[in-house]
Amino acid sequence: MLLKVDGIQVKSIPYGESSQILILFTRELGKLAVMAKGVKKSPKSSKGLMQSFSHNHYQISRKRGMGTLCSVDNIETFHELTADLDRVGYGYECLQLIQSVIQDDQAAPILFDACLITLRQLSRESKEQLPAIMNAFKIKLLEEEGLLPNGTNVTYTINSLIQRHLNPKPVIYKL
């Protein structure tokens, strides 16, 4: 079956000499893994489409289990996000939370839209706004997962609930 989906690449994992496993977050299917065969040996123009923080249109051949990537068309890249270390840190935190919370093949259109909006804002707004943007995303994430109780101190609740329920792994940056 050929699937056509819009998605954000959350992570890539090297596989063999020339392939990668891409973890995608899509509006229609939630989180899914696809095999991108031969991507390491392909021209540089297609390698740019296989980066985190890229919003692409994917065609995937999927019979059962992991699908195989057939083609990629770029919709939006977030170059401004990758040019600044603070912005990159917040961007990876956003993707890490998505990866920790969303189950495979669990459609989450509201969270997909929230993630896309957050990445856009992280790449365009002033540095002073970055913590507020991430807090807004965390609130939306907790609301959608049913973890945000009503009538509580939101600042305390965000950090404590994320630590208790989502247990995100720390993000390590290579410089």
Protein backbone atom coordinates (compact mmCIF):
# COMPACT_ATOMS: atom_id res chain seq x y z
CA MET A 1 0.00 0.00 0.00
CA LEU A 2 1.35 3.43 -0.94
CA LEU A 3 0.83 6.06 1.77
CA LYS A 4 1.09 9.80 1.14
CA VAL A 5 1.58 11.77 4.35
CA ASP A 6 2.90 15.09 5.57
CA GLY A 7 5.30 14.75 8.45
CA ILE A 8 8.10 16.12 10.56
CA GLN A 9 11.27 14.11 10.87
CA VAL A 10 11.89 13.51 14.56
CA LYS A 11 15.00 11.34 14.41
CA SER A 12 17.24 9.37 12.06
CA ILE A 13 19.12 6.20 12.95
CA PRO A 14 21.98 4.91 10.77
CA TYR A 15 21.30 1.46 9.34
CA GLY A 16 24.01 -0.37 7.44
CA GLU A 17 26.39 1.37 5.08
CA SER A 18 23.92 3.37 3.04
CA SER A 19 20.52 3.43 4.74
CA GLN A 20 18.77 5.17 7.61
CA ILE A 21 15.69 4.53 9.68
CA LEU A 22 13.66 7.73 9.91
CA ILE A 23 11.26 8.36 12.77
CA LEU A 24 8.48 10.57 11.42
CA PHE A 25 5.64 12.35 13.18
CA THR A 26 2.65 12.64 10.87
CA ARG A 27 -0.76 14.20 11.24
CA GLU A 28 -2.59 11.14 9.87
CA LEU A 29 -0.61 8.23 11.36
CA GLY A 30 1.17 9.68 14.39
CA LYS A 31 4.71 8.41 14.87
CA LEU A 32 6.09 5.83 12.45
CA ALA A 33 9.42 4.42 11.38
CA VAL A 34 10.41 4.14 7.72
CA MET A 35 13.49 2.76 6.01
CA ALA A 36 15.27 5.22 3.74
CA LYS A 37 17.39 2.92 1.55
CA GLY A 38 20.56 4.28 0.00
CA VAL A 39 20.11 7.77 1.43
CA LYS A 40 23.74 8.04 2.60
CA LYS A 41 24.98 7.52 -0.96
CA SER A 42 22.43 9.80 -2.62
CA PRO A 43 23.21 13.32 -3.90
CA LYS A 44 23.49 16.08 -1.30
CA SER A 45 20.22 17.65 -2.44
CA SER A 46 18.16 14.74 -1.10
CA LYS A 47 20.23 14.43 2.09
CA GLY A 48 18.99 17.87 3.14
CA LEU A 49 15.45 16.53 3.15
CA MET A 50 16.43 13.82 5.64
CA GLN A 51 17.21 16.16 8.55
CA SER A 52 15.42 16.80 11.82
CA PHE A 53 13.28 19.95 11.77
CA SER A 54 12.13 19.34 8.21
CA HIS A 55 8.45 19.31 7.29
CA ASN A 56 8.06 17.15 4.21
CA HIS A 57 5.54 15.29 2.09
CA TYR A 58 6.47 11.59 2.18
CA GLN A 59 5.43 8.70 -0.05
CA ILE A 60 5.84 5.44 1.83
CA SER A 61 5.37 1.86 0.67
CA ARG A 62 4.03 -0.11 3.62
CA LYS A 63 2.80 -3.68 3.67
CA ARG A 64 3.25 -4.50 7.35
CA GLY A 65 5.68 -3.34 9.98
CA MET A 66 8.20 -0.73 8.92
CA GLY A 67 7.53 1.03 5.63
CA THR A 68 10.02 1.96 2.94
CA LEU A 69 10.47 5.56 1.86
CA CYS A 70 9.69 6.03 -1.84
CA SER A 71 9.98 9.80 -2.23
CA VAL A 72 10.28 13.04 -0.28
CA ASP A 73 9.17 16.55 -1.22
CA ASN A 74 10.06 19.45 1.02
CA ILE A 75 7.28 21.62 2.39
CA GLU A 76 9.16 23.71 4.94
CA THR A 77 12.59 23.79 6.54
CA PHE A 78 13.55 25.59 9.70
CA HIS A 79 17.03 26.90 8.83
CA GLU A 80 16.79 29.73 11.37
CA LEU A 81 16.18 27.14 14.07
CA THR A 82 19.41 25.27 13.33
CA ALA A 83 21.56 28.42 13.17
CA ASP A 84 21.34 29.20 16.90
CA LEU A 85 22.24 26.82 19.76
CA ASP A 86 19.44 28.02 22.06
CA ARG A 87 16.85 27.54 19.34
CA VAL A 88 18.24 24.10 18.45
CA GLY A 89 18.01 23.06 22.11
CA TYR A 90 14.35 24.06 22.35
CA GLY A 91 13.63 22.44 18.98
CA TYR A 92 15.16 19.13 20.05
CA GLU A 93 13.27 19.32 23.34
CA CYS A 94 10.03 19.66 21.35
CA LEU A 95 10.88 16.65 19.16
CA GLN A 96 12.05 14.59 22.17
CA LEU A 97 8.74 15.19 23.94
CA ILE A 98 6.84 14.11 20.83
CA GLN A 99 8.96 10.99 20.55
CA SER A 100 8.39 10.16 24.23
CA VAL A 101 4.63 10.76 24.27
CA ILE A 102 3.21 9.69 20.91
CA GLN A 103 2.75 5.97 20.36
CA ASP A 104 3.41 4.33 17.01
CA ASP A 105 0.47 4.62 14.62
CA GLN A 106 -1.46 6.88 17.04
CA ALA A 107 -2.98 9.76 15.08
CA ALA A 108 -2.50 13.08 16.88
CA PRO A 109 -3.50 15.88 14.49
CA ILE A 110 -3.79 18.54 17.20
CA LEU A 111 -0.31 17.77 18.55
CA PHE A 112 1.09 17.66 15.01
CA ASP A 113 -0.23 21.15 14.35
CA ALA A 114 1.02 22.35 17.75
CA CYS A 115 4.49 20.92 17.04
CA LEU A 116 4.62 22.58 13.62
CA ILE A 117 3.51 25.94 15.03
CA THR A 118 6.06 25.63 17.85
CA LEU A 119 8.92 24.93 15.42
CA ARG A 120 7.88 27.93 13.32
CA GLN A 121 7.74 30.19 16.37
CA LEU A 122 11.07 28.90 17.73
CA SER A 123 12.72 29.80 14.43
CA ARG A 124 11.16 33.26 14.07
CA GLU A 125 10.48 34.83 17.47
CA SER A 126 12.99 36.67 19.65
CA LYS A 127 15.20 34.70 22.02
CA GLU A 128 13.37 36.13 25.02
CA GLN A 129 10.16 34.44 23.81
CA LEU A 130 11.63 30.93 23.47
CA PRO A 131 10.87 29.69 27.03
CA ALA A 132 7.26 30.93 26.79
CA ILE A 133 6.83 29.21 23.41
CA MET A 134 8.06 25.90 24.84
CA ASN A 135 5.85 26.23 27.91
CA ALA A 136 2.83 26.79 25.68
CA PHE A 137 3.72 23.65 23.73
CA LYS A 138 4.16 21.63 26.94
CA ILE A 139 0.77 22.81 28.20
CA LYS A 140 -0.87 21.74 24.91
CA LEU A 141 0.91 18.38 25.06
CA LEU A 142 -0.23 17.74 28.64
CA GLU A 143 -3.79 18.83 27.83
CA GLU A 144 -4.01 16.52 24.82
CA GLU A 145 -2.64 13.59 26.83
CA GLY A 146 -5.10 14.26 29.67
CA LEU A 147 -2.34 14.91 32.21
CA LEU A 148 -3.02 18.55 33.07
CA PRO A 149 -5.38 18.83 36.06
CA ASN A 150 -7.77 21.79 36.18
CA GLY A 151 -7.16 24.69 38.59
CA THR A 152 -3.48 24.04 39.33
CA ASN A 153 -0.32 26.11 39.23
CA VAL A 154 0.61 25.60 35.58
CA THR A 155 4.34 26.39 35.92
CA TYR A 156 4.83 23.83 38.68
CA THR A 157 2.52 21.32 37.01
CA ILE A 158 4.32 21.36 33.66
CA ASN A 159 7.72 20.44 35.07
CA SER A 160 6.50 17.95 37.66
CA LEU A 161 4.14 16.11 35.29
CA ILE A 162 6.69 15.88 32.51
CA GLN A 163 9.24 14.42 34.92
CA ARG A 164 6.74 12.04 36.52
CA HIS A 165 4.77 10.80 33.49
CA LEU A 166 6.81 11.39 30.38
CA ASN A 167 10.33 10.94 31.77
CA PRO A 168 12.09 12.55 28.80
CA LYS A 169 15.69 11.58 28.21
CA PRO A 170 18.20 14.41 28.52
CA VAL A 171 19.26 15.91 25.23
CA ILE A 172 23.03 15.73 24.64
CA TYR A 173 24.53 18.04 22.08
CA LYS A 174 27.67 17.31 20.09
CA LEU A 175 29.66 20.40 19.25
